[in-house]
């Protein structure tokens, strides 16, 4: 297996790692209670998903 001929400099490795940023999660509005929720997930506030009651929330 080939190996690098020279050591990768700090500058090159840091330039490559500069693009590893975390993106914040996107939120969608629940059509029932209008609270923010993660897309394609059951709403934790009202328990609805795809227009029907998925879970019972107290």
PDB file of N, CA and C in Angstrom:
ATOM      1  N   UNK A   1       0.837  -1.170   0.000  1.00  0.00           N
ATOM      2  CA  UNK A   1       0.000   0.000   0.000  1.00  0.00           C
ATOM      3  C   UNK A   1       0.892   1.247   0.000  1.00  0.00           C
ATOM      4  N   UNK A   2       0.549   2.248  -0.814  1.00  0.00           N
ATOM      5  CA  UNK A   2       1.413   3.433  -0.870  1.00  0.00           C
ATOM      6  C   UNK A   2       1.319   4.252   0.409  1.00  0.00           C
ATOM      7  N   UNK A   3       2.439   4.850   0.755  1.00  0.00           N
ATOM      8  CA  UNK A   3       2.497   5.700   1.934  1.00  0.00           C
ATOM      9  C   UNK A   3       2.959   7.089   1.508  1.00  0.00           C
ATOM     10  N   UNK A   4       2.626   8.117   2.262  1.00  0.00           N
ATOM     11  CA  UNK A   4       3.066   9.460   1.898  1.00  0.00           C
ATOM     12  C   UNK A   4       4.586   9.588   1.959  1.00  0.00           C
ATOM     13  N   UNK A   5       5.126  10.334   1.015  1.00  0.00           N
ATOM     14  CA  UNK A   5       6.574  10.523   0.966  1.00  0.00           C
ATOM     15  C   UNK A   5       7.018  11.569   1.987  1.00  0.00           C
ATOM     16  N   UNK A   6       6.148  12.544   2.254  1.00  0.00           N
ATOM     17  CA  UNK A   6       6.471  13.599   3.208  1.00  0.00           C
ATOM     18  C   UNK A   6       5.349  13.729   4.236  1.00  0.00           C
ATOM     19  N   UNK A   7       5.699  14.299   5.389  1.00  0.00           N
ATOM     20  CA  UNK A   7       4.708  14.555   6.426  1.00  0.00           C
ATOM     21  C   UNK A   7       3.749  15.654   5.958  1.00  0.00           C
ATOM     22  N   UNK A   8       2.453  15.465   6.211  1.00  0.00           N
ATOM     23  CA  UNK A   8       1.476  16.495   5.893  1.00  0.00           C
ATOM     24  C   UNK A   8       1.636  17.634   6.891  1.00  0.00           C
ATOM     25  N   UNK A   9       1.773  18.836   6.376  1.00  0.00           N
ATOM     26  CA  UNK A   9       2.004  19.984   7.245  1.00  0.00           C
ATOM     27  C   UNK A   9       0.748  20.329   8.038  1.00  0.00           C
ATOM     28  N   UNK A  10       0.948  21.065   9.126  1.00  0.00           N
ATOM     29  CA  UNK A  10      -0.177  21.509   9.941  1.00  0.00           C
ATOM     30  C   UNK A  10      -1.120  22.382   9.121  1.00  0.00           C
ATOM     31  N   UNK A  11      -0.539  23.200   8.260  1.00  0.00           N
ATOM     32  CA  UNK A  11      -1.350  24.102   7.433  1.00  0.00           C
ATOM     33  C   UNK A  11      -2.287  23.317   6.518  1.00  0.00           C
ATOM     34  N   UNK A  12      -1.783  22.289   5.858  1.00  0.00           N
ATOM     35  CA  UNK A  12      -2.613  21.497   4.934  1.00  0.00           C
ATOM     36  C   UNK A  12      -3.691  20.718   5.677  1.00  0.00           C
ATOM     37  N   UNK A  13      -3.339  20.131   6.823  1.00  0.00           N
ATOM     38  CA  UNK A  13      -4.345  19.363   7.553  1.00  0.00           C
ATOM     39  C   UNK A  13      -5.394  20.277   8.169  1.00  0.00           C
ATOM     40  N   UNK A  14      -5.004  21.470   8.607  1.00  0.00           N
ATOM     41  CA  UNK A  14      -5.975  22.412   9.169  1.00  0.00           C
ATOM     42  C   UNK A  14      -6.872  23.003   8.086  1.00  0.00           C
ATOM     43  N   UNK A  15      -6.339  23.198   6.886  1.00  0.00           N
ATOM     44  CA  UNK A  15      -7.174  23.670   5.775  1.00  0.00           C
ATOM     45  C   UNK A  15      -8.246  22.641   5.431  1.00  0.00           C
ATOM     46  N   UNK A  16      -7.885  21.378   5.470  1.00  0.00           N
ATOM     47  CA  UNK A  16      -8.839  20.320   5.177  1.00  0.00           C
ATOM     48  C   UNK A  16      -9.881  20.209   6.286  1.00  0.00           C
ATOM     49  N   UNK A  17      -9.459  20.356   7.530  1.00  0.00           N
ATOM     50  CA  UNK A  17     -10.374  20.234   8.656  1.00  0.00           C
ATOM     51  C   UNK A  17     -11.254  21.461   8.835  1.00  0.00           C
ATOM     52  N   UNK A  18     -10.966  22.546   8.142  1.00  0.00           N
ATOM     53  CA  UNK A  18     -11.740  23.776   8.288  1.00  0.00           C
ATOM     54  C   UNK A  18     -13.160  23.620   7.781  1.00  0.00           C
ATOM     55  N   UNK A  19     -13.412  22.656   6.926  1.00  0.00           N
ATOM     56  CA  UNK A  19     -14.745  22.464   6.355  1.00  0.00           C
ATOM     57  C   UNK A  19     -15.588  21.480   7.149  1.00  0.00           C
ATOM     58  N   UNK A  20     -15.116  20.995   8.268  1.00  0.00           N
ATOM     59  CA  UNK A  20     -15.851  20.040   9.092  1.00  0.00           C
ATOM     60  C   UNK A  20     -16.742  20.749  10.088  1.00  0.00           C
ATOM     61  N   UNK A  21     -17.525  21.703   9.638  1.00  0.00           N
ATOM     62  CA  UNK A  21     -18.368  22.445  10.561  1.00  0.00           C
ATOM     63  C   UNK A  21     -19.687  21.713  10.773  1.00  0.00           C
ATOM     64  N   UNK A  22     -20.226  21.845  11.956  1.00  0.00           N
ATOM     65  CA  UNK A  22     -21.511  21.232  12.271  1.00  0.00           C
ATOM     66  C   UNK A  22     -22.624  22.186  11.856  1.00  0.00           C
ATOM     67  N   UNK A  23     -23.698  21.633  11.292  1.00  0.00           N
ATOM     68  CA  UNK A  23     -24.828  22.458  10.900  1.00  0.00           C
ATOM     69  C   UNK A  23     -25.943  22.283  11.933  1.00  0.00           C
ATOM     70  N   UNK A  24     -26.621  23.361  12.298  1.00  0.00           N
ATOM     71  CA  UNK A  24     -27.710  23.232  13.272  1.00  0.00           C
ATOM     72  C   UNK A  24     -28.883  22.482  12.654  1.00  0.00           C
ATOM     73  N   UNK A  25     -29.669  21.766  13.465  1.00  0.00           N
ATOM     74  CA  UNK A  25     -30.787  21.008  12.913  1.00  0.00           C
ATOM     75  C   UNK A  25     -31.872  21.943  12.380  1.00  0.00           C
ATOM     76  N   UNK A  26     -32.531  21.514  11.296  1.00  0.00           N
ATOM     77  CA  UNK A  26     -33.616  22.306  10.736  1.00  0.00           C
ATOM     78  C   UNK A  26     -34.909  21.915  11.431  1.00  0.00           C
ATOM     79  N   UNK A  27     -35.768  22.893  11.611  1.00  0.00           N
ATOM     80  CA  UNK A  27     -37.041  22.660  12.272  1.00  0.00           C
ATOM     81  C   UNK A  27     -38.178  22.965  11.311  1.00  0.00           C
ATOM     82  N   UNK A  28     -39.260  22.224  11.459  1.00  0.00           N
ATOM     83  CA  UNK A  28     -40.481  22.458  10.706  1.00  0.00           C
ATOM     84  C   UNK A  28     -41.579  22.802  11.699  1.00  0.00           C
ATOM     85  N   UNK A  29     -42.613  23.461  11.216  1.00  0.00           N
ATOM     86  CA  UNK A  29     -43.721  23.822  12.087  1.00  0.00           C
ATOM     87  C   UNK A  29     -44.755  22.711  12.075  1.00  0.00           C
ATOM     88  N   UNK A  30     -45.225  22.325  13.249  1.00  0.00           N
ATOM     89  CA  UNK A  30     -46.265  21.309  13.348  1.00  0.00           C
ATOM     90  C   UNK A  30     -47.575  21.896  12.815  1.00  0.00           C
ATOM     91  N   UNK A  31     -48.262  21.216  11.902  1.00  0.00           N
ATOM     92  CA  UNK A  31     -49.507  21.763  11.371  1.00  0.00           C
ATOM     93  C   UNK A  31     -50.652  21.777  12.384  1.00  0.00           C
ATOM     94  N   UNK A  32     -50.556  20.987  13.444  1.00  0.00           N
ATOM     95  CA  UNK A  32     -51.630  20.938  14.446  1.00  0.00           C
ATOM     96  C   UNK A  32     -51.469  22.032  15.501  1.00  0.00           C
ATOM     97  N   UNK A  33     -50.319  22.060  16.156  1.00  0.00           N
ATOM     98  CA  UNK A  33     -50.130  22.975  17.283  1.00  0.00           C
ATOM     99  C   UNK A  33     -49.194  24.137  16.969  1.00  0.00           C
ATOM    100  N   UNK A  34     -48.588  24.140  15.781  1.00  0.00           N
ATOM    101  CA  UNK A  34     -47.708  25.213  15.301  1.00  0.00           C
ATOM    102  C   UNK A  34     -46.464  25.406  16.169  1.00  0.00           C
ATOM    103  N   UNK A  35     -46.002  24.333  16.787  1.00  0.00           N
ATOM    104  CA  UNK A  35     -44.760  24.369  17.543  1.00  0.00           C
ATOM    105  C   UNK A  35     -43.632  23.846  16.648  1.00  0.00           C
ATOM    106  N   UNK A  36     -42.380  24.253  16.873  1.00  0.00           N
ATOM    107  CA  UNK A  36     -41.284  23.712  16.067  1.00  0.00           C
ATOM    108  C   UNK A  36     -41.031  22.247  16.398  1.00  0.00           C
ATOM    109  N   UNK A  37     -40.785  21.450  15.356  1.00  0.00           N
ATOM    110  CA  UNK A  37     -40.477  20.028  15.533  1.00  0.00           C
ATOM    111  C   UNK A  37     -39.499  19.616  14.459  1.00  0.00           C
ATOM    112  N   UNK A  38     -38.829  18.509  14.672  1.00  0.00           N
ATOM    113  CA  UNK A  38     -37.916  17.991  13.662  1.00  0.00           C
ATOM    114  C   UNK A  38     -38.723  17.390  12.520  1.00  0.00           C
ATOM    115  N   UNK A  39     -38.286  17.578  11.266  1.00  0.00           N
ATOM    116  CA  UNK A  39     -39.046  17.026  10.154  1.00  0.00           C
ATOM    117  C   UNK A  39     -39.048  15.497  10.165  1.00  0.00           C
ATOM    118  N   UNK A  40     -40.135  14.908   9.716  1.00  0.00           N
ATOM    119  CA  UNK A  40     -40.332  13.453   9.637  1.00  0.00           C
ATOM    120  C   UNK A  40     -40.298  12.789  11.005  1.00  0.00           C
ATOM    121  N   UNK A  41     -40.726  13.510  12.043  1.00  0.00           N
ATOM    122  CA  UNK A  41     -40.779  12.965  13.383  1.00  0.00           C
ATOM    123  C   UNK A  41     -42.129  13.328  14.002  1.00  0.00           C
ATOM    124  N   UNK A  42     -42.536  12.580  15.000  1.00  0.00           N
ATOM    125  CA  UNK A  42     -43.770  12.865  15.727  1.00  0.00           C
ATOM    126  C   UNK A  42     -43.562  14.134  16.544  1.00  0.00           C
ATOM    127  N   UNK A  43     -44.566  14.979  16.565  1.00  0.00           N
ATOM    128  CA  UNK A  43     -44.493  16.208  17.358  1.00  0.00           C
ATOM    129  C   UNK A  43     -44.520  15.837  18.837  1.00  0.00           C
ATOM    130  N   UNK A  44     -43.551  16.328  19.586  1.00  0.00           N
ATOM    131  CA  UNK A  44     -43.486  16.024  21.005  1.00  0.00           C
ATOM    132  C   UNK A  44     -44.504  16.789  21.823  1.00  0.00           C
ATOM    133  N   UNK A  45     -45.044  17.859  21.258  1.00  0.00           N
ATOM    134  CA  UNK A  45     -45.996  18.678  21.988  1.00  0.00           C
ATOM    135  C   UNK A  45     -47.409  18.112  21.914  1.00  0.00           C
ATOM    136  N   UNK A  46     -47.865  17.727  20.693  1.00  0.00           N
ATOM    137  CA  UNK A  46     -49.247  17.259  20.540  1.00  0.00           C
ATOM    138  C   UNK A  46     -49.347  15.778  20.180  1.00  0.00           C
ATOM    139  N   UNK A  47     -48.258  15.156  19.692  1.00  0.00           N
ATOM    140  CA  UNK A  47     -48.268  13.728  19.386  1.00  0.00           C
ATOM    141  C   UNK A  47     -48.786  13.395  18.000  1.00  0.00           C
ATOM    142  N   UNK A  48     -48.962  14.382  17.134  1.00  0.00           N
ATOM    143  CA  UNK A  48     -49.473  14.137  15.784  1.00  0.00           C
ATOM    144  C   UNK A  48     -48.329  13.904  14.807  1.00  0.00           C
ATOM    145  N   UNK A  49     -48.602  13.077  13.803  1.00  0.00           N
ATOM    146  CA  UNK A  49     -47.677  12.869  12.685  1.00  0.00           C
ATOM    147  C   UNK A  49     -48.508  12.533  11.454  1.00  0.00           C
ATOM    148  N   UNK A  50     -48.287  13.231  10.376  1.00  0.00           N
ATOM    149  CA  UNK A  50     -48.969  13.035   9.091  1.00  0.00           C
ATOM    150  C   UNK A  50     -50.488  13.146   9.236  1.00  0.00           C
ATOM    151  N   UNK A  51     -50.932  14.096  10.073  1.00  0.00           N
ATOM    152  CA  UNK A  51     -52.355  14.372  10.206  1.00  0.00           C
ATOM    153  C   UNK A  51     -53.136  13.421  11.089  1.00  0.00           C
ATOM    154  N   UNK A  52     -52.453  12.546  11.808  1.00  0.00           N
ATOM    155  CA  UNK A  52     -53.166  11.619  12.693  1.00  0.00           C
ATOM    156  C   UNK A  52     -52.442  11.557  14.030  1.00  0.00           C
ATOM    157  N   UNK A  53     -53.184  11.129  15.058  1.00  0.00           N
ATOM    158  CA  UNK A  53     -52.628  10.990  16.402  1.00  0.00           C
ATOM    159  C   UNK A  53     -51.720   9.764  16.429  1.00  0.00           C
ATOM    160  N   UNK A  54     -50.423   9.958  16.615  1.00  0.00           N
ATOM    161  CA  UNK A  54     -49.466   8.846  16.605  1.00  0.00           C
ATOM    162  C   UNK A  54     -49.200   8.342  18.021  1.00  0.00           C
ATOM    163  N   UNK A  55     -49.039   9.258  18.963  1.00  0.00           N
ATOM    164  CA  UNK A  55     -48.778   8.874  20.348  1.00  0.00           C
ATOM    165  C   UNK A  55     -49.686   9.706  21.259  1.00  0.00           C
ATOM    166  N   UNK A  56     -49.931   9.208  22.445  1.00  0.00           N
ATOM    167  CA  UNK A  56     -50.713   9.949  23.425  1.00  0.00           C
ATOM    168  C   UNK A  56     -49.757  10.797  24.255  1.00  0.00           C
ATOM    169  N   UNK A  57     -50.003  12.100  24.299  1.00  0.00           N
ATOM    170  CA  UNK A  57     -49.177  13.021  25.065  1.00  0.00           C
ATOM    171  C   UNK A  57     -50.036  13.604  26.174  1.00  0.00           C
ATOM    172  N   UNK A  58     -49.490  13.628  27.367  1.00  0.00           N
ATOM    173  CA  UNK A  58     -50.238  14.129  28.519  1.00  0.00           C
ATOM    174  C   UNK A  58     -50.139  15.640  28.614  1.00  0.00           C
TER     175      UNK A  58
END
